[in-house]
Amino acid sequence: MRFKVLLTAGAESDLNDLHGYIAAYDSPQNADDVLDKLLEVAESLATFPERGSYPPELLALGIREYRQSFFKPYRVIYRVIGKQVIIYVITDGRRDMKSLLARRLLGA
C-alpha cells in the first residue's frame, strides 16, 4: 500500500529556508543537492512510513503520534493519519528541537 505524502505550509517554508541558507553560506549546488535528498526522504515515506523512529523530545512527553526520518543532520518530522503521511517539520537536527517542536506541533 502506498501512502500519500503531504507537506504542511510550515514544512514547505522549512525547505525554502534551508535551501536559501545553504545557498548563501555554502553553494547553490549544495543547496540543490540537500533539497533533492530531503525530497527523496519525504517521498520514501509513501512506502512503510511506520519505519521512522519517535522523536525523543516528544517521546519524553509521552507523545507517540509523530515519527521522524533522517538525512543527517536534517530531520523530517511527520505523522501518519489514515493513508496519508503529513510532514510538519523539516529542519537541521542541531537546532533547539524542544523549542521548535513545542512551538510547531504542540502550539506552545
N, C-alpha and C. Protein backbone atom coordinates (compact mmCIF):
# COMPACT_ATOMS: atom_id res chain seq x y z
N MET A 1 0.83 -1.18 0.00
CA MET A 1 0.00 0.00 0.00
C MET A 1 0.88 1.25 0.00
N ARG A 2 0.52 2.20 -0.83
CA ARG A 2 1.24 3.48 -0.89
C ARG A 2 0.44 4.53 -0.13
N PHE A 3 1.17 5.34 0.60
CA PHE A 3 0.59 6.46 1.32
C PHE A 3 0.79 7.73 0.51
N LYS A 4 -0.12 8.66 0.68
CA LYS A 4 0.03 9.97 0.04
C LYS A 4 0.84 10.85 0.98
N VAL A 5 1.91 11.44 0.48
CA VAL A 5 2.78 12.28 1.29
C VAL A 5 2.43 13.75 1.04
N LEU A 6 2.14 14.46 2.14
CA LEU A 6 1.76 15.88 2.06
C LEU A 6 2.69 16.70 2.95
N LEU A 7 3.04 17.88 2.48
CA LEU A 7 3.85 18.80 3.28
C LEU A 7 2.96 19.93 3.76
N THR A 8 3.06 20.26 5.04
CA THR A 8 2.34 21.42 5.55
C THR A 8 3.03 22.68 5.05
N ALA A 9 2.36 23.80 5.21
CA ALA A 9 2.97 25.08 4.82
C ALA A 9 4.26 25.31 5.61
N GLY A 10 4.27 24.88 6.87
CA GLY A 10 5.48 25.02 7.69
C GLY A 10 6.64 24.21 7.14
N ALA A 11 6.36 22.99 6.70
CA ALA A 11 7.42 22.14 6.14
C ALA A 11 7.93 22.71 4.81
N GLU A 12 7.03 23.23 3.99
CA GLU A 12 7.47 23.87 2.74
C GLU A 12 8.34 25.08 3.03
N SER A 13 7.95 25.86 4.03
CA SER A 13 8.75 27.01 4.43
C SER A 13 10.12 26.57 4.95
N ASP A 14 10.14 25.46 5.70
CA ASP A 14 11.41 24.91 6.18
C ASP A 14 12.34 24.60 5.02
N LEU A 15 11.81 23.95 3.98
CA LEU A 15 12.63 23.61 2.81
C LEU A 15 13.18 24.86 2.14
N ASN A 16 12.32 25.86 1.97
CA ASN A 16 12.78 27.11 1.35
C ASN A 16 13.86 27.79 2.18
N ASP A 17 13.66 27.81 3.50
CA ASP A 17 14.65 28.44 4.39
C ASP A 17 15.97 27.69 4.36
N LEU A 18 15.92 26.36 4.42
CA LEU A 18 17.15 25.57 4.37
C LEU A 18 17.89 25.78 3.05
N HIS A 19 17.15 25.76 1.96
CA HIS A 19 17.77 25.97 0.65
C HIS A 19 18.44 27.33 0.58
N GLY A 20 17.74 28.36 1.03
CA GLY A 20 18.30 29.71 1.00
C GLY A 20 19.54 29.84 1.86
N TYR A 21 19.50 29.25 3.03
CA TYR A 21 20.64 29.32 3.94
C TYR A 21 21.86 28.61 3.35
N ILE A 22 21.66 27.40 2.86
CA ILE A 22 22.79 26.64 2.30
C ILE A 22 23.33 27.33 1.05
N ALA A 23 22.44 27.86 0.23
CA ALA A 23 22.89 28.57 -0.99
C ALA A 23 23.72 29.79 -0.62
N ALA A 24 23.32 30.50 0.42
CA ALA A 24 24.03 31.72 0.82
C ALA A 24 25.36 31.43 1.51
N TYR A 25 25.39 30.40 2.36
CA TYR A 25 26.57 30.16 3.17
C TYR A 25 27.46 29.03 2.69
N ASP A 26 27.00 28.28 1.69
CA ASP A 26 27.81 27.20 1.13
C ASP A 26 27.84 27.40 -0.38
N SER A 27 26.89 26.79 -1.09
CA SER A 27 26.82 26.99 -2.53
C SER A 27 25.42 26.63 -3.02
N PRO A 28 24.98 27.25 -4.12
CA PRO A 28 23.68 26.89 -4.68
C PRO A 28 23.60 25.41 -5.08
N GLN A 29 24.70 24.85 -5.57
CA GLN A 29 24.71 23.44 -5.95
C GLN A 29 24.47 22.53 -4.74
N ASN A 30 25.15 22.83 -3.64
CA ASN A 30 24.93 22.03 -2.43
C ASN A 30 23.52 22.21 -1.90
N ALA A 31 22.99 23.42 -2.01
CA ALA A 31 21.61 23.67 -1.58
C ALA A 31 20.64 22.82 -2.39
N ASP A 32 20.86 22.77 -3.70
CA ASP A 32 20.00 21.94 -4.57
C ASP A 32 20.13 20.46 -4.21
N ASP A 33 21.35 20.02 -3.94
CA ASP A 33 21.58 18.61 -3.59
C ASP A 33 20.86 18.24 -2.28
N VAL A 34 20.97 19.10 -1.27
CA VAL A 34 20.31 18.83 0.01
C VAL A 34 18.80 18.82 -0.17
N LEU A 35 18.29 19.78 -0.94
CA LEU A 35 16.85 19.83 -1.19
C LEU A 35 16.38 18.54 -1.88
N ASP A 36 17.13 18.09 -2.88
CA ASP A 36 16.77 16.85 -3.58
C ASP A 36 16.76 15.66 -2.63
N LYS A 37 17.77 15.55 -1.77
CA LYS A 37 17.85 14.43 -0.82
C LYS A 37 16.70 14.48 0.18
N LEU A 38 16.35 15.68 0.66
CA LEU A 38 15.25 15.80 1.62
C LEU A 38 13.92 15.44 0.96
N LEU A 39 13.75 15.81 -0.29
CA LEU A 39 12.53 15.44 -1.01
C LEU A 39 12.47 13.93 -1.25
N GLU A 40 13.63 13.30 -1.47
CA GLU A 40 13.68 11.84 -1.60
C GLU A 40 13.27 11.17 -0.30
N VAL A 41 13.75 11.70 0.83
CA VAL A 41 13.36 11.16 2.14
C VAL A 41 11.85 11.28 2.31
N ALA A 42 11.31 12.45 1.97
CA ALA A 42 9.87 12.66 2.09
C ALA A 42 9.10 11.68 1.22
N GLU A 43 9.49 11.52 -0.01
CA GLU A 43 8.79 10.61 -0.92
C GLU A 43 8.94 9.15 -0.50
N SER A 44 10.06 8.81 0.12
CA SER A 44 10.26 7.42 0.56
C SER A 44 9.25 7.03 1.64
N LEU A 45 8.64 8.01 2.28
CA LEU A 45 7.65 7.73 3.32
C LEU A 45 6.34 7.21 2.74
N ALA A 46 6.20 7.26 1.42
CA ALA A 46 4.99 6.74 0.78
C ALA A 46 4.89 5.22 0.95
N THR A 47 6.01 4.58 1.20
CA THR A 47 6.01 3.14 1.46
C THR A 47 6.54 2.90 2.87
N PHE A 48 5.76 2.29 3.69
CA PHE A 48 6.09 1.91 5.05
C PHE A 48 6.58 3.07 5.92
N PRO A 49 5.75 4.08 6.12
CA PRO A 49 6.16 5.23 6.92
C PRO A 49 6.35 4.91 8.40
N GLU A 50 5.79 3.78 8.87
CA GLU A 50 5.93 3.42 10.27
C GLU A 50 7.36 3.04 10.65
N ARG A 51 8.24 2.93 9.67
CA ARG A 51 9.63 2.57 9.97
C ARG A 51 10.36 3.69 10.71
N GLY A 52 9.86 4.90 10.66
CA GLY A 52 10.51 6.02 11.32
C GLY A 52 10.47 5.90 12.83
N SER A 53 11.47 6.45 13.47
CA SER A 53 11.54 6.42 14.93
C SER A 53 10.72 7.57 15.52
N TYR A 54 10.45 7.46 16.81
CA TYR A 54 9.76 8.54 17.51
C TYR A 54 10.77 9.61 17.89
N PRO A 55 10.46 10.89 17.67
CA PRO A 55 11.38 11.94 18.12
C PRO A 55 11.53 11.88 19.64
N PRO A 56 12.76 11.78 20.14
CA PRO A 56 12.95 11.62 21.59
C PRO A 56 12.39 12.78 22.40
N GLU A 57 12.39 13.98 21.82
CA GLU A 57 11.86 15.14 22.54
C GLU A 57 10.36 14.99 22.81
N LEU A 58 9.65 14.35 21.88
CA LEU A 58 8.22 14.13 22.06
C LEU A 58 7.96 12.87 22.87
N LEU A 59 8.77 11.86 22.66
CA LEU A 59 8.63 10.61 23.40
C LEU A 59 8.77 10.86 24.90
N ALA A 60 9.66 11.78 25.28
CA ALA A 60 9.85 12.12 26.69
C ALA A 60 8.58 12.70 27.30
N LEU A 61 7.70 13.26 26.45
CA LEU A 61 6.43 13.81 26.91
C LEU A 61 5.29 12.80 26.77
N GLY A 62 5.62 11.59 26.33
CA GLY A 62 4.62 10.55 26.15
C GLY A 62 3.84 10.68 24.85
N ILE A 63 4.36 11.47 23.91
CA ILE A 63 3.69 11.70 22.63
C ILE A 63 4.26 10.74 21.59
N ARG A 64 3.38 9.90 21.04
CA ARG A 64 3.80 8.90 20.06
C ARG A 64 3.07 9.04 18.73
N GLU A 65 2.49 10.18 18.48
CA GLU A 65 1.77 10.37 17.21
C GLU A 65 2.70 10.73 16.07
N TYR A 66 3.87 11.23 16.40
CA TYR A 66 4.80 11.72 15.38
C TYR A 66 5.98 10.78 15.24
N ARG A 67 6.52 10.74 14.03
CA ARG A 67 7.72 9.95 13.75
C ARG A 67 8.72 10.84 13.03
N GLN A 68 9.92 10.30 12.83
CA GLN A 68 10.94 11.06 12.14
C GLN A 68 11.76 10.17 11.23
N SER A 69 12.27 10.79 10.20
CA SER A 69 13.19 10.15 9.29
C SER A 69 14.34 11.13 9.09
N PHE A 70 15.49 10.64 8.64
CA PHE A 70 16.68 11.47 8.60
C PHE A 70 17.35 11.53 7.24
N PHE A 71 17.95 12.65 6.98
CA PHE A 71 19.05 12.82 6.04
C PHE A 71 20.02 13.68 6.85
N LYS A 72 20.92 13.02 7.54
CA LYS A 72 21.77 13.67 8.55
C LYS A 72 22.43 14.92 8.01
N PRO A 73 22.41 16.00 8.78
CA PRO A 73 21.87 16.16 10.13
C PRO A 73 20.40 16.61 10.13
N TYR A 74 19.74 16.49 9.00
CA TYR A 74 18.37 17.00 8.89
C TYR A 74 17.35 15.96 9.34
N ARG A 75 16.28 16.47 9.93
CA ARG A 75 15.21 15.60 10.43
C ARG A 75 13.90 15.97 9.76
N VAL A 76 13.16 14.95 9.39
CA VAL A 76 11.83 15.12 8.79
C VAL A 76 10.85 14.55 9.82
N ILE A 77 10.02 15.44 10.40
CA ILE A 77 9.06 15.04 11.43
C ILE A 77 7.68 14.96 10.78
N TYR A 78 7.01 13.82 10.97
CA TYR A 78 5.74 13.60 10.28
C TYR A 78 4.78 12.79 11.14
N ARG A 79 3.57 12.71 10.65
CA ARG A 79 2.52 11.94 11.32
C ARG A 79 1.78 11.14 10.26
N VAL A 80 1.44 9.91 10.58
CA VAL A 80 0.67 9.05 9.68
C VAL A 80 -0.79 9.11 10.13
N ILE A 81 -1.65 9.56 9.22
CA ILE A 81 -3.08 9.64 9.50
C ILE A 81 -3.80 8.93 8.36
N GLY A 82 -4.39 7.79 8.67
CA GLY A 82 -5.05 7.01 7.62
C GLY A 82 -4.04 6.58 6.58
N LYS A 83 -4.28 6.96 5.33
CA LYS A 83 -3.37 6.61 4.24
C LYS A 83 -2.54 7.82 3.80
N GLN A 84 -2.39 8.77 4.72
CA GLN A 84 -1.61 9.96 4.43
C GLN A 84 -0.44 10.10 5.40
N VAL A 85 0.65 10.61 4.88
CA VAL A 85 1.81 10.98 5.69
C VAL A 85 1.88 12.50 5.61
N ILE A 86 1.71 13.15 6.74
CA ILE A 86 1.73 14.61 6.77
C ILE A 86 3.04 15.04 7.42
N ILE A 87 3.84 15.77 6.65
CA ILE A 87 5.14 16.23 7.12
C ILE A 87 4.95 17.63 7.71
N TYR A 88 5.36 17.76 8.97
CA TYR A 88 5.18 19.01 9.70
C TYR A 88 6.44 19.84 9.80
N VAL A 89 7.59 19.18 9.93
CA VAL A 89 8.85 19.88 10.18
C VAL A 89 9.96 19.22 9.37
N ILE A 90 10.77 20.06 8.72
CA ILE A 90 11.99 19.60 8.07
C ILE A 90 13.06 20.58 8.52
N THR A 91 14.00 20.11 9.33
CA THR A 91 14.94 21.04 9.93
C THR A 91 16.29 20.40 10.21
N ASP A 92 17.25 21.24 10.49
CA ASP A 92 18.57 20.80 10.91
C ASP A 92 18.43 20.29 12.34
N GLY A 93 18.78 19.06 12.57
CA GLY A 93 18.63 18.44 13.87
C GLY A 93 19.53 19.02 14.94
N ARG A 94 20.44 19.91 14.58
CA ARG A 94 21.32 20.53 15.56
C ARG A 94 20.66 21.75 16.22
N ARG A 95 19.48 22.11 15.74
CA ARG A 95 18.74 23.22 16.34
C ARG A 95 18.19 22.83 17.70
N ASP A 96 17.63 23.80 18.40
CA ASP A 96 16.94 23.54 19.67
C ASP A 96 15.61 22.89 19.33
N MET A 97 15.62 21.57 19.28
CA MET A 97 14.44 20.82 18.82
C MET A 97 13.28 20.90 19.80
N LYS A 98 13.56 20.96 21.10
CA LYS A 98 12.46 21.03 22.07
C LYS A 98 11.61 22.27 21.82
N SER A 99 12.25 23.40 21.66
CA SER A 99 11.50 24.65 21.43
C SER A 99 10.78 24.62 20.10
N LEU A 100 11.46 24.16 19.07
CA LEU A 100 10.86 24.12 17.73
C LEU A 100 9.64 23.20 17.71
N LEU A 101 9.78 22.01 18.26
CA LEU A 101 8.66 21.06 18.24
C LEU A 101 7.51 21.54 19.13
N ALA A 102 7.83 22.12 20.25
CA ALA A 102 6.77 22.65 21.13
C ALA A 102 5.99 23.74 20.40
N ARG A 103 6.70 24.62 19.73
CA ARG A 103 6.06 25.72 19.02
C ARG A 103 5.26 25.23 17.82
N ARG A 104 5.84 24.35 17.04
CA ARG A 104 5.24 23.95 15.78
C ARG A 104 4.17 22.87 15.95
N LEU A 105 4.41 21.88 16.80
CA LEU A 105 3.50 20.74 16.91
C LEU A 105 2.55 20.82 18.10
N LEU A 106 3.00 21.44 19.15
CA LEU A 106 2.21 21.46 20.38
C LEU A 106 1.55 22.81 20.63
N GLY A 107 1.81 23.77 19.76
CA GLY A 107 1.16 25.07 19.86
C GLY A 107 1.62 25.89 21.07
N ALA A 108 2.81 25.59 21.59
CA ALA A 108 3.29 26.35 22.76
C ALA A 108 3.94 27.64 22.34
